[in-house]
Amino acid sequence: MINKASLMRKINKSTDIPLRDASLCIDLIIEEITDAIARSERIELRGLGSFYVSQVATRKAVFANIPAHSRVIFRPCQKLRLSVWNKVAR
């Protein structure tokens, strides 16, 4: 599993940036992505994919109505999709 600590170590190892600075970089990236999503902006990360906000209409369920709401969608880039597909297809 990849987590923040493993990303920090990878950044530190490949760039000699201190772990504290690597942590700050990761925090800033996550904060910027989160803020952009909160503003309903589309985020594109080349080589990974894009995030965007989609509006979901009100709908009826069995026991209650589900109100209209927003949802965050991640759409992987073609390279990532093919990479995952090729691993599953093996």
Protein backbone atom coordinates (compact mmCIF):
# COMPACT_ATOMS: atom_id res chain seq x y z
CA MET A 1 0.00 0.00 0.00
CA ILE A 2 1.21 3.48 -0.79
CA ASN A 3 0.61 6.14 1.83
CA LYS A 4 1.92 9.61 2.61
CA ALA A 5 4.99 8.29 4.45
CA SER A 6 6.03 6.09 1.52
CA LEU A 7 5.57 9.00 -0.89
CA MET A 8 7.68 11.20 1.39
CA ARG A 9 10.48 8.61 1.43
CA LYS A 10 10.35 8.24 -2.36
CA ILE A 11 10.57 12.02 -2.86
CA ASN A 12 13.40 12.22 -0.31
CA LYS A 13 15.33 9.39 -1.93
CA SER A 14 15.01 10.61 -5.51
CA THR A 15 15.52 14.35 -4.92
CA ASP A 16 17.35 14.68 -1.56
CA ILE A 17 14.52 16.94 -0.36
CA PRO A 18 14.24 16.60 3.44
CA LEU A 19 11.31 14.48 4.66
CA ARG A 20 9.71 17.52 6.30
CA ASP A 21 9.73 19.44 3.01
CA ALA A 22 8.45 16.40 1.11
CA SER A 23 5.57 16.18 3.59
CA LEU A 24 4.79 19.85 3.05
CA CYS A 25 4.78 19.37 -0.75
CA ILE A 26 2.35 16.47 -0.50
CA ASP A 27 0.11 18.44 1.88
CA LEU A 28 0.09 21.44 -0.48
CA ILE A 29 -0.80 19.30 -3.49
CA ILE A 30 -3.65 17.60 -1.64
CA GLU A 31 -4.89 20.94 -0.31
CA GLU A 32 -4.86 22.51 -3.78
CA ILE A 33 -6.74 19.56 -5.30
CA THR A 34 -9.28 19.60 -2.45
CA ASP A 35 -9.84 23.36 -2.79
CA ALA A 36 -10.27 23.09 -6.55
CA ILE A 37 -12.82 20.28 -6.16
CA ALA A 38 -14.69 22.36 -3.55
CA ARG A 39 -14.91 25.13 -6.18
CA SER A 40 -16.24 22.53 -8.69
CA GLU A 41 -13.16 22.96 -10.89
CA ARG A 42 -11.80 20.16 -13.05
CA ILE A 43 -8.33 18.89 -12.12
CA GLU A 44 -6.15 17.17 -14.72
CA LEU A 45 -3.02 15.32 -13.71
CA ARG A 46 -1.25 14.14 -16.86
CA GLY A 47 -0.32 10.48 -16.63
CA LEU A 48 -2.86 9.84 -13.86
CA GLY A 49 -6.29 11.18 -14.81
CA SER A 50 -8.76 13.87 -13.94
CA PHE A 51 -11.12 14.72 -11.11
CA TYR A 52 -14.35 16.60 -11.59
CA VAL A 53 -17.61 17.28 -9.79
CA SER A 54 -20.81 15.78 -11.15
CA GLN A 55 -24.33 16.75 -10.13
CA VAL A 56 -26.68 13.91 -9.21
CA ALA A 57 -30.42 14.51 -9.55
CA THR A 58 -32.96 13.71 -6.86
CA ARG A 59 -34.21 10.15 -7.09
CA LYS A 60 -36.58 7.85 -5.31
CA ALA A 61 -35.27 4.85 -3.43
CA VAL A 62 -37.24 2.05 -1.77
CA PHE A 63 -37.53 3.64 1.67
CA ALA A 64 -36.67 7.30 1.09
CA ASN A 65 -35.96 9.98 -1.45
CA ILE A 66 -32.32 10.68 -2.15
CA PRO A 67 -31.84 14.44 -2.53
CA ALA A 68 -29.86 16.05 -5.33
CA HIS A 69 -26.16 16.23 -4.48
CA SER A 70 -22.67 16.56 -5.91
CA ARG A 71 -20.23 13.73 -6.33
CA VAL A 72 -16.52 13.68 -7.13
CA ILE A 73 -15.60 11.57 -10.15
CA PHE A 74 -12.11 10.30 -10.99
CA ARG A 75 -11.49 9.39 -14.60
CA PRO A 76 -8.15 7.64 -15.17
CA CYS A 77 -6.06 8.49 -18.20
CA GLN A 78 -5.86 5.97 -21.02
CA LYS A 79 -2.37 4.81 -20.02
CA LEU A 80 -3.54 4.02 -16.47
CA ARG A 81 -6.73 2.33 -17.72
CA LEU A 82 -4.75 0.11 -20.09
CA SER A 83 -2.19 -0.68 -17.41
CA VAL A 84 -4.90 -1.86 -15.00
CA TRP A 85 -6.80 -3.68 -17.75
CA ASN A 86 -3.68 -5.59 -18.84
CA LYS A 87 -3.00 -6.69 -15.24
CA VAL A 88 -6.59 -7.88 -14.75
CA ALA A 89 -6.70 -9.66 -18.09
CA ARG A 90 -3.67 -11.84 -17.28
